[in-house]
Amino acid sequence: MDLRNSITIRVFLPLISVLLFMVLAESALWLLNVDPYPRGVEFAVNRAPDYPDVFLKDRDLFWRFRPGRTIVSGFFEGKSYRINRQGFRGDDFIPEKSGLRIAVLGNSCSFGWGMDEGETFVGQLQKMLRHQHGMEKAEVYNFSVPGYSSFQGEINYRQNVRDYSPDILLVTFGWNDQWMSANDRPDKDQQMPPQLILDCYNLIGRTRIYRFYKSFLFSFRGERGLTEYRDQQARVDLEDFKSNLGKIIRAARHDGAEVILLTSPIPSMETYYHMTEQSYMHERHYYYNEMTREAAAVFSAGLIDLAAVFDQYDNLFDDVSKDPFHYNIRGHTLAAEEIFHALRKHQ
């Protein structure tokens, strides 16, 4: 054996061995149906970055949906969601308008967490406009992404929404803004790696062996619980929250769209928890809703106070001990009706 062949074997044999090990390990994890999802400390409750089968990492937006697929994942607790080629929920978006176009910019609540597509207030609103208001060609495009804060929403508007020239923009944020930040840094101070590194992650992140490896690493770091919520840095503080809403309003208005802000409903302590005192989560959420109302006044935007409307009813959330964030189909129906009536009054 000559020197050249000897060097070739020494270089490539370890690489082939590693590749073979990875193929065998990946196959074993699939056959044994082992698919552990890491419980990372990034965005402690918003787990989107931990589900690479659902989301792509993005340098500007932190994460975004993998486009053009119907997603069934543990992230969605067994539900399936249709993601269009643009990377958002529903039918593919068409740049050319044929009638009134409404865009919804928000988080998992407006995305329709736990709801079938037609059950969301986005889907119901489109039906109401087409069948009750005689606007057969009205479109309601849902640009909402689970886990998004107003910081991400402002970027999402600039990068995606404005390309579809909505006539009306409905904006709802707050839950993720008030939540615990990653590594105690607000969203505006987060530093993402270069896109090339993120592209590599997006390529290998779907493999089970990689997720198993990540889960093993995170098992030594632990995850912050809700008991630490009070003392943690918010992803977006109140002033930045107001500023982000202002940026969205100004940009959309410059593009010719009318902006309407929506407050975020929260289950009543008295109605749903049978307690009269407020939790810290309720107290903080109150101030974010107040800032939404203030932003609507300061920036001369429309306002639909869903939080106040929801307080008049007692059947709009299901199991609040497990999920105090997302309202049920009755809540989505009420939201659609409130938005529909507000739009009719305005016209």
C-alpha atoms as a PDB file:
ATOM      1  CA  MET A   1       0.000   0.000   0.000  1.00  0.00           C
ATOM      2  CA  ASP A   2       1.500   3.323  -1.031  1.00  0.00           C
ATOM      3  CA  LEU A   3       1.584   6.436   1.142  1.00  0.00           C
ATOM      4  CA  ARG A   4      -1.263   8.145  -0.728  1.00  0.00           C
ATOM      5  CA  ASN A   5      -3.677   5.240  -0.132  1.00  0.00           C
ATOM      6  CA  SER A   6      -2.663   5.055   3.515  1.00  0.00           C
ATOM      7  CA  ILE A   7      -3.447   8.760   4.059  1.00  0.00           C
ATOM      8  CA  THR A   8      -6.762   8.401   2.223  1.00  0.00           C
ATOM      9  CA  ILE A   9      -7.810   5.521   4.478  1.00  0.00           C
ATOM     10  CA  ARG A  10      -6.784   7.405   7.624  1.00  0.00           C
ATOM     11  CA  VAL A  11      -8.793  10.455   6.574  1.00  0.00           C
ATOM     12  CA  PHE A  12     -11.946   8.876   5.215  1.00  0.00           C
ATOM     13  CA  LEU A  13     -12.320   5.782   7.398  1.00  0.00           C
ATOM     14  CA  PRO A  14     -13.218   7.824  10.532  1.00  0.00           C
ATOM     15  CA  LEU A  15     -15.635   9.932   8.495  1.00  0.00           C
ATOM     16  CA  ILE A  16     -17.319   6.846   7.062  1.00  0.00           C
ATOM     17  CA  SER A  17     -17.501   5.324  10.543  1.00  0.00           C
ATOM     18  CA  VAL A  18     -19.154   8.439  11.985  1.00  0.00           C
ATOM     19  CA  LEU A  19     -21.601   8.595   9.078  1.00  0.00           C
ATOM     20  CA  LEU A  20     -22.459   4.914   9.485  1.00  0.00           C
ATOM     21  CA  PHE A  21     -22.988   5.382  13.227  1.00  0.00           C
ATOM     22  CA  MET A  22     -25.316   8.313  12.621  1.00  0.00           C
ATOM     23  CA  VAL A  23     -27.345   6.388  10.032  1.00  0.00           C
ATOM     24  CA  LEU A  24     -27.686   3.397  12.367  1.00  0.00           C
ATOM     25  CA  ALA A  25     -28.547   5.576  15.369  1.00  0.00           C
ATOM     26  CA  GLU A  26     -31.117   7.572  13.378  1.00  0.00           C
ATOM     27  CA  SER A  27     -32.686   4.342  12.109  1.00  0.00           C
ATOM     28  CA  ALA A  28     -32.816   2.899  15.619  1.00  0.00           C
ATOM     29  CA  LEU A  29     -34.503   6.010  17.018  1.00  0.00           C
ATOM     30  CA  TRP A  30     -37.106   5.848  14.250  1.00  0.00           C
ATOM     31  CA  LEU A  31     -37.734   2.111  14.727  1.00  0.00           C
ATOM     32  CA  LEU A  32     -38.047   2.513  18.498  1.00  0.00           C
ATOM     33  CA  ASN A  33     -40.208   5.606  17.968  1.00  0.00           C
ATOM     34  CA  VAL A  34     -37.919   7.639  20.217  1.00  0.00           C
ATOM     35  CA  ASP A  35     -38.306  11.286  19.363  1.00  0.00           C
ATOM     36  CA  PRO A  36     -37.438  13.422  22.391  1.00  0.00           C
ATOM     37  CA  TYR A  37     -38.025  17.130  22.064  1.00  0.00           C
ATOM     38  CA  PRO A  38     -35.533  19.200  24.031  1.00  0.00           C
ATOM     39  CA  ARG A  39     -36.937  21.388  26.772  1.00  0.00           C
ATOM     40  CA  GLY A  40     -34.708  24.357  26.126  1.00  0.00           C
ATOM     41  CA  VAL A  41     -34.242  27.470  28.230  1.00  0.00           C
ATOM     42  CA  GLU A  42     -34.663  29.735  25.207  1.00  0.00           C
ATOM     43  CA  PHE A  43     -38.108  31.348  25.251  1.00  0.00           C
ATOM     44  CA  ALA A  44     -39.017  29.232  28.260  1.00  0.00           C
ATOM     45  CA  VAL A  45     -42.697  28.863  27.457  1.00  0.00           C
ATOM     46  CA  ASN A  46     -42.699  29.638  23.735  1.00  0.00           C
ATOM     47  CA  ARG A  47     -41.215  26.370  22.599  1.00  0.00           C
ATOM     48  CA  ALA A  48     -41.115  27.087  18.863  1.00  0.00           C
ATOM     49  CA  PRO A  49     -37.287  26.911  18.508  1.00  0.00           C
ATOM     50  CA  ASP A  50     -37.325  23.391  19.951  1.00  0.00           C
ATOM     51  CA  TYR A  51     -39.461  21.962  17.125  1.00  0.00           C
ATOM     52  CA  PRO A  52     -37.367  21.957  13.939  1.00  0.00           C
ATOM     53  CA  ASP A  53     -39.900  19.716  12.198  1.00  0.00           C
ATOM     54  CA  VAL A  54     -42.343  22.637  12.395  1.00  0.00           C
ATOM     55  CA  PHE A  55     -40.179  25.755  12.340  1.00  0.00           C
ATOM     56  CA  LEU A  56     -37.135  27.081  10.570  1.00  0.00           C
ATOM     57  CA  LYS A  57     -34.707  29.253  12.501  1.00  0.00           C
ATOM     58  CA  ASP A  58     -34.527  32.731  11.064  1.00  0.00           C
ATOM     59  CA  ARG A  59     -31.946  35.445  11.679  1.00  0.00           C
ATOM     60  CA  ASP A  60     -34.514  38.271  11.818  1.00  0.00           C
ATOM     61  CA  LEU A  61     -37.690  36.592  13.048  1.00  0.00           C
ATOM     62  CA  PHE A  62     -36.002  33.961  15.295  1.00  0.00           C
ATOM     63  CA  TRP A  63     -38.321  31.302  13.861  1.00  0.00           C
ATOM     64  CA  ARG A  64     -40.871  30.871  11.079  1.00  0.00           C
ATOM     65  CA  PHE A  65     -42.972  28.017   9.749  1.00  0.00           C
ATOM     66  CA  ARG A  66     -41.634  25.504   7.282  1.00  0.00           C
ATOM     67  CA  PRO A  67     -43.760  26.447   4.253  1.00  0.00           C
ATOM     68  CA  GLY A  68     -46.007  24.371   2.060  1.00  0.00           C
ATOM     69  CA  ARG A  69     -46.951  21.477   4.330  1.00  0.00           C
ATOM     70  CA  THR A  70     -49.601  20.184   6.679  1.00  0.00           C
ATOM     71  CA  ILE A  71     -47.988  19.938  10.093  1.00  0.00           C
ATOM     72  CA  VAL A  72     -48.821  17.303  12.679  1.00  0.00           C
ATOM     73  CA  SER A  73     -46.478  17.634  15.637  1.00  0.00           C
ATOM     74  CA  GLY A  74     -46.153  17.267  19.385  1.00  0.00           C
ATOM     75  CA  PHE A  75     -45.766  21.037  19.408  1.00  0.00           C
ATOM     76  CA  PHE A  76     -49.449  21.287  18.519  1.00  0.00           C
ATOM     77  CA  GLU A  77     -50.571  18.558  20.915  1.00  0.00           C
ATOM     78  CA  GLY A  78     -51.868  16.276  18.210  1.00  0.00           C
ATOM     79  CA  LYS A  79     -53.580  18.925  16.081  1.00  0.00           C
ATOM     80  CA  SER A  80     -52.798  19.383  12.395  1.00  0.00           C
ATOM     81  CA  TYR A  81     -52.411  22.714  10.647  1.00  0.00           C
ATOM     82  CA  ARG A  82     -52.135  23.571   6.968  1.00  0.00           C
ATOM     83  CA  ILE A  83     -49.246  25.936   6.248  1.00  0.00           C
ATOM     84  CA  ASN A  84     -49.256  27.563   2.830  1.00  0.00           C
ATOM     85  CA  ARG A  85     -46.350  28.163   0.479  1.00  0.00           C
ATOM     86  CA  GLN A  86     -45.788  31.594   2.029  1.00  0.00           C
ATOM     87  CA  GLY A  87     -45.280  30.020   5.448  1.00  0.00           C
ATOM     88  CA  PHE A  88     -48.583  31.009   7.075  1.00  0.00           C
ATOM     89  CA  ARG A  89     -51.855  29.311   7.902  1.00  0.00           C
ATOM     90  CA  GLY A  90     -54.488  28.710   5.245  1.00  0.00           C
ATOM     91  CA  ASP A  91     -54.735  28.875   1.471  1.00  0.00           C
ATOM     92  CA  ASP A  92     -51.831  30.256  -0.533  1.00  0.00           C
ATOM     93  CA  PHE A  93     -51.765  34.051  -0.539  1.00  0.00           C
ATOM     94  CA  ILE A  94     -52.231  35.796  -3.875  1.00  0.00           C
ATOM     95  CA  PRO A  95     -50.573  39.200  -4.424  1.00  0.00           C
ATOM     96  CA  GLU A  96     -53.311  40.492  -6.747  1.00  0.00           C
ATOM     97  CA  LYS A  97     -56.430  41.669  -4.927  1.00  0.00           C
ATOM     98  CA  SER A  98     -59.945  40.966  -6.161  1.00  0.00           C
ATOM     99  CA  GLY A  99     -61.842  42.626  -3.300  1.00  0.00           C
ATOM    100  CA  LEU A 100     -61.484  43.790   0.291  1.00  0.00           C
ATOM    101  CA  ARG A 101     -58.358  42.307   1.858  1.00  0.00           C
ATOM    102  CA  ILE A 102     -57.828  42.070   5.608  1.00  0.00           C
ATOM    103  CA  ALA A 103     -54.552  40.876   7.115  1.00  0.00           C
ATOM    104  CA  VAL A 104     -54.287  39.565  10.673  1.00  0.00           C
ATOM    105  CA  LEU A 105     -50.943  40.047  12.399  1.00  0.00           C
ATOM    106  CA  GLY A 106     -50.526  38.335  15.735  1.00  0.00           C
ATOM    107  CA  ASN A 107     -49.590  35.317  17.824  1.00  0.00           C
ATOM    108  CA  SER A 108     -50.996  31.856  18.574  1.00  0.00           C
ATOM    109  CA  CYS A 109     -54.370  33.243  19.679  1.00  0.00           C
ATOM    110  CA  SER A 110     -55.108  34.791  16.291  1.00  0.00           C
ATOM    111  CA  PHE A 111     -53.330  31.877  14.576  1.00  0.00           C
ATOM    112  CA  GLY A 112     -56.081  29.732  16.058  1.00  0.00           C
ATOM    113  CA  TRP A 113     -54.298  27.404  18.472  1.00  0.00           C
ATOM    114  CA  GLY A 114     -56.364  24.241  18.897  1.00  0.00           C
ATOM    115  CA  MET A 115     -58.919  25.307  16.299  1.00  0.00           C
ATOM    116  CA  ASP A 116     -59.685  23.940  12.867  1.00  0.00           C
ATOM    117  CA  GLU A 117     -59.072  26.461  10.112  1.00  0.00           C
ATOM    118  CA  GLY A 118     -62.714  27.379   9.682  1.00  0.00           C
ATOM    119  CA  GLU A 119     -63.243  27.685  13.438  1.00  0.00           C
ATOM    120  CA  THR A 120     -60.719  30.482  13.934  1.00  0.00           C
ATOM    121  CA  PHE A 121     -61.987  34.038  14.082  1.00  0.00           C
ATOM    122  CA  VAL A 122     -59.996  34.632  10.895  1.00  0.00           C
ATOM    123  CA  GLY A 123     -61.886  31.905   9.046  1.00  0.00           C
ATOM    124  CA  GLN A 124     -65.250  32.871  10.526  1.00  0.00           C
ATOM    125  CA  LEU A 125     -64.726  36.555   9.735  1.00  0.00           C
ATOM    126  CA  GLN A 126     -64.077  35.755   6.084  1.00  0.00           C
ATOM    127  CA  LYS A 127     -67.287  33.710   5.913  1.00  0.00           C
ATOM    128  CA  MET A 128     -69.278  36.523   7.531  1.00  0.00           C
ATOM    129  CA  LEU A 129     -67.943  39.095   5.091  1.00  0.00           C
ATOM    130  CA  ARG A 130     -68.645  36.910   2.082  1.00  0.00           C
ATOM    131  CA  HIS A 131     -72.081  35.613   3.044  1.00  0.00           C
ATOM    132  CA  GLN A 132     -73.602  38.183   5.394  1.00  0.00           C
ATOM    133  CA  HIS A 133     -72.152  41.350   3.952  1.00  0.00           C
ATOM    134  CA  GLY A 134     -72.287  40.431   0.269  1.00  0.00           C
ATOM    135  CA  MET A 135     -68.549  40.686  -0.267  1.00  0.00           C
ATOM    136  CA  GLU A 136     -68.000  37.413  -2.109  1.00  0.00           C
ATOM    137  CA  LYS A 137     -64.375  38.206  -2.903  1.00  0.00           C
ATOM    138  CA  ALA A 138     -63.326  39.414   0.570  1.00  0.00           C
ATOM    139  CA  GLU A 139     -60.102  37.848   1.801  1.00  0.00           C
ATOM    140  CA  VAL A 140     -58.789  37.535   5.349  1.00  0.00           C
ATOM    141  CA  TYR A 141     -55.137  36.465   5.371  1.00  0.00           C
ATOM    142  CA  ASN A 142     -53.696  35.106   8.606  1.00  0.00           C
ATOM    143  CA  PHE A 143     -50.070  36.167   9.145  1.00  0.00           C
ATOM    144  CA  SER A 144     -50.069  35.125  12.814  1.00  0.00           C
ATOM    145  CA  VAL A 145     -47.325  32.833  14.124  1.00  0.00           C
ATOM    146  CA  PRO A 146     -47.311  31.088  17.521  1.00  0.00           C
ATOM    147  CA  GLY A 147     -44.892  32.626  19.975  1.00  0.00           C
ATOM    148  CA  TYR A 148     -44.495  35.937  18.154  1.00  0.00           C
ATOM    149  CA  SER A 149     -44.111  39.148  20.117  1.00  0.00           C
ATOM    150  CA  SER A 150     -44.773  42.657  18.807  1.00  0.00           C
ATOM    151  CA  PHE A 151     -41.036  42.883  18.051  1.00  0.00           C
ATOM    152  CA  GLN A 152     -41.345  39.956  15.645  1.00  0.00           C
ATOM    153  CA  GLY A 153     -44.699  41.260  14.444  1.00  0.00           C
ATOM    154  CA  GLU A 154     -43.195  44.533  13.268  1.00  0.00           C
ATOM    155  CA  ILE A 155     -40.535  42.642  11.290  1.00  0.00           C
ATOM    156  CA  ASN A 156     -43.152  40.226   9.981  1.00  0.00           C
ATOM    157  CA  TYR A 157     -45.190  43.147   8.687  1.00  0.00           C
ATOM    158  CA  ARG A 158     -42.237  44.705   6.867  1.00  0.00           C
ATOM    159  CA  GLN A 159     -40.933  41.435   5.414  1.00  0.00           C
ATOM    160  CA  ASN A 160     -44.190  39.707   4.518  1.00  0.00           C
ATOM    161  CA  VAL A 161     -47.527  41.414   5.128  1.00  0.00           C
ATOM    162  CA  ARG A 162     -47.002  44.651   3.210  1.00  0.00           C
ATOM    163  CA  ASP A 163     -46.305  42.708   0.014  1.00  0.00           C
ATOM    164  CA  TYR A 164     -50.014  41.753  -0.061  1.00  0.00           C
ATOM    165  CA  SER A 165     -51.327  45.330   0.299  1.00  0.00           C
ATOM    166  CA  PRO A 166     -54.090  44.777   2.870  1.00  0.00           C
ATOM    167  CA  ASP A 167     -56.859  47.347   3.111  1.00  0.00           C
ATOM    168  CA  ILE A 168     -57.276  46.655   6.824  1.00  0.00           C
ATOM    169  CA  LEU A 169     -54.666  45.318   9.248  1.00  0.00           C
ATOM    170  CA  LEU A 170     -55.819  43.685  12.486  1.00  0.00           C
ATOM    171  CA  VAL A 171     -53.029  43.575  15.080  1.00  0.00           C
ATOM    172  CA  THR A 172     -53.022  41.612  18.328  1.00  0.00           C
ATOM    173  CA  PHE A 173     -50.042  41.033  20.601  1.00  0.00           C
ATOM    174  CA  GLY A 174     -49.264  41.021  24.299  1.00  0.00           C
ATOM    175  CA  TRP A 175     -49.013  37.506  25.645  1.00  0.00           C
ATOM    176  CA  ASN A 176     -45.542  36.778  24.307  1.00  0.00           C
ATOM    177  CA  ASP A 177     -44.346  40.335  24.914  1.00  0.00           C
ATOM    178  CA  GLN A 178     -45.017  40.024  28.630  1.00  0.00           C
ATOM    179  CA  TRP A 179     -43.445  36.581  28.905  1.00  0.00           C
ATOM    180  CA  MET A 180     -39.990  35.539  30.143  1.00  0.00           C
ATOM    181  CA  SER A 181     -37.167  36.468  27.816  1.00  0.00           C
ATOM    182  CA  ALA A 182     -34.419  34.167  26.582  1.00  0.00           C
ATOM    183  CA  ASN A 183     -31.375  34.352  28.842  1.00  0.00           C
ATOM    184  CA  ASP A 184     -32.830  37.504  30.434  1.00  0.00           C
ATOM    185  CA  ARG A 185     -32.375  39.485  27.218  1.00  0.00           C
ATOM    186  CA  PRO A 186     -35.348  41.210  25.607  1.00  0.00           C
ATOM    187  CA  ASP A 187     -36.180  40.329  22.025  1.00  0.00           C
ATOM    188  CA  LYS A 188     -34.522  43.469  20.673  1.00  0.00           C
ATOM    189  CA  ASP A 189     -31.167  42.401  22.202  1.00  0.00           C
ATOM    190  CA  GLN A 190     -31.192  38.792  21.040  1.00  0.00           C
ATOM    191  CA  GLN A 191     -28.279  37.862  18.793  1.00  0.00           C
ATOM    192  CA  MET A 192     -28.825  35.172  16.178  1.00  0.00           C
ATOM    193  CA  PRO A 193     -25.947  33.376  14.401  1.00  0.00           C
ATOM    194  CA  PRO A 194     -25.219  34.069  10.721  1.00  0.00           C
ATOM    195  CA  GLN A 195     -27.851  32.683   8.371  1.00  0.00           C
ATOM    196  CA  LEU A 196     -25.413  30.073   7.019  1.00  0.00           C
ATOM    197  CA  ILE A 197     -25.190  28.480  10.464  1.00  0.00           C
ATOM    198  CA  LEU A 198     -28.961  28.649  10.839  1.00  0.00           C
ATOM    199  CA  ASP A 199     -29.354  26.992   7.427  1.00  0.00           C
ATOM    200  CA  CYS A 200     -27.125  24.121   8.617  1.00  0.00           C
ATOM    201  CA  TYR A 201     -29.228  23.800  11.741  1.00  0.00           C
ATOM    202  CA  ASN A 202     -32.426  23.807   9.666  1.00  0.00           C
ATOM    203  CA  LEU A 203     -30.957  20.978   7.604  1.00  0.00           C
ATOM    204  CA  ILE A 204     -29.906  18.684  10.458  1.00  0.00           C
ATOM    205  CA  GLY A 205     -32.438  19.883  13.019  1.00  0.00           C
ATOM    206  CA  ARG A 206     -35.128  17.523  11.776  1.00  0.00           C
ATOM    207  CA  THR A 207     -33.080  14.405  12.514  1.00  0.00           C
ATOM    208  CA  ARG A 208     -33.995  12.509  15.650  1.00  0.00           C
ATOM    209  CA  ILE A 209     -30.405  11.941  16.661  1.00  0.00           C
ATOM    210  CA  TYR A 210     -29.826  15.704  16.766  1.00  0.00           C
ATOM    211  CA  ARG A 211     -32.937  16.272  18.858  1.00  0.00           C
ATOM    212  CA  PHE A 212     -31.890  13.445  21.173  1.00  0.00           C
ATOM    213  CA  TYR A 213     -28.498  15.106  21.553  1.00  0.00           C
ATOM    214  CA  LYS A 214     -30.100  18.479  22.314  1.00  0.00           C
ATOM    215  CA  SER A 215     -32.455  16.907  24.820  1.00  0.00           C
ATOM    216  CA  PHE A 216     -29.481  15.301  26.569  1.00  0.00           C
ATOM    217  CA  LEU A 217     -27.657  18.632  26.818  1.00  0.00           C
ATOM    218  CA  PHE A 218     -30.684  20.526  28.121  1.00  0.00           C
ATOM    219  CA  SER A 219     -31.329  17.885  30.772  1.00  0.00           C
ATOM    220  CA  PHE A 220     -28.327  19.299  32.644  1.00  0.00           C
ATOM    221  CA  ARG A 221     -29.510  22.909  32.402  1.00  0.00           C
ATOM    222  CA  GLY A 222     -33.110  22.613  33.428  1.00  0.00           C
ATOM    223  CA  GLU A 223     -35.957  24.894  32.477  1.00  0.00           C
ATOM    224  CA  ARG A 224     -37.337  27.902  34.249  1.00  0.00           C
ATOM    225  CA  GLY A 225     -40.793  27.430  35.682  1.00  0.00           C
ATOM    226  CA  LEU A 226     -43.701  29.795  36.004  1.00  0.00           C
ATOM    227  CA  THR A 227     -42.820  30.446  39.649  1.00  0.00           C
ATOM    228  CA  GLU A 228     -39.901  32.535  38.383  1.00  0.00           C
ATOM    229  CA  TYR A 229     -42.123  34.530  36.047  1.00  0.00           C
ATOM    230  CA  ARG A 230     -42.431  37.542  38.345  1.00  0.00           C
ATOM    231  CA  ASP A 231     -38.698  38.227  38.535  1.00  0.00           C
ATOM    232  CA  GLN A 232     -37.767  37.684  34.888  1.00  0.00           C
ATOM    233  CA  GLN A 233     -37.075  40.204  32.154  1.00  0.00           C
ATOM    234  CA  ALA A 234     -40.026  40.463  29.758  1.00  0.00           C
ATOM    235  CA  ARG A 235     -39.391  39.719  26.112  1.00  0.00           C
ATOM    236  CA  VAL A 236     -40.733  43.186  25.271  1.00  0.00           C
ATOM    237  CA  ASP A 237     -41.242  45.773  28.010  1.00  0.00           C
ATOM    238  CA  LEU A 238     -44.249  48.078  28.050  1.00  0.00           C
ATOM    239  CA  GLU A 239     -42.627  51.086  26.398  1.00  0.00           C
ATOM    240  CA  ASP A 240     -41.079  48.981  23.637  1.00  0.00           C
ATOM    241  CA  PHE A 241     -44.433  47.234  23.209  1.00  0.00           C
ATOM    242  CA  LYS A 242     -46.111  50.583  22.592  1.00  0.00           C
ATOM    243  CA  SER A 243     -43.273  51.633  20.291  1.00  0.00           C
ATOM    244  CA  ASN A 244     -43.555  48.419  18.237  1.00  0.00           C
ATOM    245  CA  LEU A 245     -47.299  48.915  17.818  1.00  0.00           C
ATOM    246  CA  GLY A 246     -46.602  52.470  16.701  1.00  0.00           C
ATOM    247  CA  LYS A 247     -44.089  51.281  14.114  1.00  0.00           C
ATOM    248  CA  ILE A 248     -46.601  48.793  12.727  1.00  0.00           C
ATOM    249  CA  ILE A 249     -49.336  51.447  12.586  1.00  0.00           C
ATOM    250  CA  ARG A 250     -47.134  54.012  10.859  1.00  0.00           C
ATOM    251  CA  ALA A 251     -45.770  51.524   8.329  1.00  0.00           C
ATOM    252  CA  ALA A 252     -49.202  50.115   7.473  1.00  0.00           C
ATOM    253  CA  ARG A 253     -50.738  53.566   7.211  1.00  0.00           C
ATOM    254  CA  HIS A 254     -47.909  54.613   4.879  1.00  0.00           C
ATOM    255  CA  ASP A 255     -48.786  51.584   2.750  1.00  0.00           C
ATOM    256  CA  GLY A 256     -52.432  52.647   2.589  1.00  0.00           C
ATOM    257  CA  ALA A 257     -53.897  50.252   5.157  1.00  0.00           C
ATOM    258  CA  GLU A 258     -56.190  51.075   8.046  1.00  0.00           C
ATOM    259  CA  VAL A 259     -54.975  49.573  11.341  1.00  0.00           C
ATOM    260  CA  ILE A 260     -57.181  48.194  14.099  1.00  0.00           C
ATOM    261  CA  LEU A 261     -55.623  46.985  17.354  1.00  0.00           C
ATOM    262  CA  LEU A 262     -57.184  44.140  19.338  1.00  0.00           C
ATOM    263  CA  THR A 263     -56.696  43.672  23.067  1.00  0.00           C
ATOM    264  CA  SER A 264     -55.921  40.130  24.262  1.00  0.00           C
ATOM    265  CA  PRO A 265     -58.555  38.325  26.336  1.00  0.00           C
ATOM    266  CA  ILE A 266     -57.542  36.600  29.566  1.00  0.00           C
ATOM    267  CA  PRO A 267     -59.681  34.271  31.710  1.00  0.00           C
ATOM    268  CA  SER A 268     -61.307  36.130  34.598  1.00  0.00           C
ATOM    269  CA  MET A 269     -60.000  35.099  38.024  1.00  0.00           C
ATOM    270  CA  GLU A 270     -63.492  35.284  39.487  1.00  0.00           C
ATOM    271  CA  THR A 271     -65.291  33.512  36.643  1.00  0.00           C
ATOM    272  CA  TYR A 272     -62.804  30.798  35.740  1.00  0.00           C
ATOM    273  CA  TYR A 273     -60.667  30.361  38.861  1.00  0.00           C
ATOM    274  CA  HIS A 274     -63.378  31.220  41.440  1.00  0.00           C
ATOM    275  CA  MET A 275     -61.002  33.608  43.165  1.00  0.00           C
ATOM    276  CA  THR A 276     -61.344  37.342  43.674  1.00  0.00           C
ATOM    277  CA  GLU A 277     -57.686  38.386  43.846  1.00  0.00           C
ATOM    278  CA  GLN A 278     -55.573  38.828  40.739  1.00  0.00           C
ATOM    279  CA  SER A 279     -52.585  36.670  39.806  1.00  0.00           C
ATOM    280  CA  TYR A 280     -49.318  38.302  38.778  1.00  0.00           C
ATOM    281  CA  MET A 281     -49.953  37.061  35.235  1.00  0.00           C
ATOM    282  CA  HIS A 282     -53.295  38.882  35.238  1.00  0.00           C
ATOM    283  CA  GLU A 283     -51.738  42.050  36.643  1.00  0.00           C
ATOM    284  CA  ARG A 284     -49.023  42.150  34.007  1.00  0.00           C
ATOM    285  CA  HIS A 285     -51.462  41.300  31.238  1.00  0.00           C
ATOM    286  CA  TYR A 286     -53.710  44.165  32.331  1.00  0.00           C
ATOM    287  CA  TYR A 287     -50.919  46.675  31.703  1.00  0.00           C
ATOM    288  CA  TYR A 288     -50.164  45.286  28.236  1.00  0.00           C
ATOM    289  CA  ASN A 289     -53.818  45.593  27.302  1.00  0.00           C
ATOM    290  CA  GLU A 290     -53.835  49.131  28.708  1.00  0.00           C
ATOM    291  CA  MET A 291     -50.811  49.930  26.565  1.00  0.00           C
ATOM    292  CA  THR A 292     -52.658  48.564  23.519  1.00  0.00           C
ATOM    293  CA  ARG A 293     -55.539  50.937  24.266  1.00  0.00           C
ATOM    294  CA  GLU A 294     -53.114  53.810  24.761  1.00  0.00           C
ATOM    295  CA  ALA A 295     -51.286  53.031  21.508  1.00  0.00           C
ATOM    296  CA  ALA A 296     -54.593  53.088  19.617  1.00  0.00           C
ATOM    297  CA  ALA A 297     -55.323  56.553  21.047  1.00  0.00           C
ATOM    298  CA  VAL A 298     -51.829  58.000  20.616  1.00  0.00           C
ATOM    299  CA  PHE A 299     -51.329  56.731  17.064  1.00  0.00           C
ATOM    300  CA  SER A 300     -54.965  57.304  16.000  1.00  0.00           C
ATOM    301  CA  ALA A 301     -55.628  53.660  15.194  1.00  0.00           C
ATOM    302  CA  GLY A 302     -58.839  51.704  15.554  1.00  0.00           C
ATOM    303  CA  LEU A 303     -59.454  49.585  18.635  1.00  0.00           C
ATOM    304  CA  ILE A 304     -61.578  46.501  19.275  1.00  0.00           C
ATOM    305  CA  ASP A 305     -61.421  45.771  22.999  1.00  0.00           C
ATOM    306  CA  LEU A 306     -61.841  42.008  22.935  1.00  0.00           C
ATOM    307  CA  ALA A 307     -60.550  41.695  26.505  1.00  0.00           C
ATOM    308  CA  ALA A 308     -63.407  43.852  27.807  1.00  0.00           C
ATOM    309  CA  VAL A 309     -65.983  42.016  25.689  1.00  0.00           C
ATOM    310  CA  PHE A 310     -64.791  38.594  26.846  1.00  0.00           C
ATOM    311  CA  ASP A 311     -65.153  39.672  30.494  1.00  0.00           C
ATOM    312  CA  GLN A 312     -68.927  39.697  29.962  1.00  0.00           C
ATOM    313  CA  TYR A 313     -69.068  35.931  29.280  1.00  0.00           C
ATOM    314  CA  ASP A 314     -68.149  32.782  31.159  1.00  0.00           C
ATOM    315  CA  ASN A 315     -67.751  30.045  28.543  1.00  0.00           C
ATOM    316  CA  LEU A 316     -64.988  31.248  26.242  1.00  0.00           C
ATOM    317  CA  PHE A 317     -62.063  29.263  27.678  1.00  0.00           C
ATOM    318  CA  ASP A 318     -61.918  25.539  28.364  1.00  0.00           C
ATOM    319  CA  ASP A 319     -59.381  24.114  30.840  1.00  0.00           C
ATOM    320  CA  VAL A 320     -57.703  27.277  32.155  1.00  0.00           C
ATOM    321  CA  SER A 321     -55.508  25.273  34.546  1.00  0.00           C
ATOM    322  CA  LYS A 322     -53.710  23.880  31.488  1.00  0.00           C
ATOM    323  CA  ASP A 323     -54.152  26.721  29.017  1.00  0.00           C
ATOM    324  CA  PRO A 324     -55.097  30.212  30.218  1.00  0.00           C
ATOM    325  CA  PHE A 325     -54.068  31.817  26.921  1.00  0.00           C
ATOM    326  CA  HIS A 326     -56.138  30.414  24.071  1.00  0.00           C
ATOM    327  CA  TYR A 327     -59.900  30.830  23.872  1.00  0.00           C
ATOM    328  CA  ASN A 328     -62.181  28.120  22.541  1.00  0.00           C
ATOM    329  CA  ILE A 329     -64.415  28.022  19.487  1.00  0.00           C
ATOM    330  CA  ARG A 330     -67.068  30.082  21.285  1.00  0.00           C
ATOM    331  CA  GLY A 331     -64.406  32.693  21.950  1.00  0.00           C
ATOM    332  CA  HIS A 332     -63.349  32.715  18.316  1.00  0.00           C
ATOM    333  CA  THR A 333     -66.973  33.093  17.235  1.00  0.00           C
ATOM    334  CA  LEU A 334     -67.442  36.029  19.592  1.00  0.00           C
ATOM    335  CA  ALA A 335     -64.212  37.644  18.368  1.00  0.00           C
ATOM    336  CA  ALA A 336     -65.297  37.244  14.720  1.00  0.00           C
ATOM    337  CA  GLU A 337     -68.691  38.778  15.478  1.00  0.00           C
ATOM    338  CA  GLU A 338     -67.161  41.744  17.306  1.00  0.00           C
ATOM    339  CA  ILE A 339     -64.722  42.434  14.474  1.00  0.00           C
ATOM    340  CA  PHE A 340     -67.446  41.988  11.843  1.00  0.00           C
ATOM    341  CA  HIS A 341     -69.812  44.424  13.571  1.00  0.00           C
ATOM    342  CA  ALA A 342     -66.994  46.941  14.091  1.00  0.00           C
ATOM    343  CA  LEU A 343     -66.138  46.814  10.389  1.00  0.00           C
ATOM    344  CA  ARG A 344     -69.789  47.259   9.385  1.00  0.00           C
ATOM    345  CA  LYS A 345     -70.165  50.304  11.627  1.00  0.00           C
ATOM    346  CA  HIS A 346     -67.008  51.812  10.199  1.00  0.00           C
ATOM    347  CA  GLN A 347     -68.098  51.481   6.563  1.00  0.00           C
END
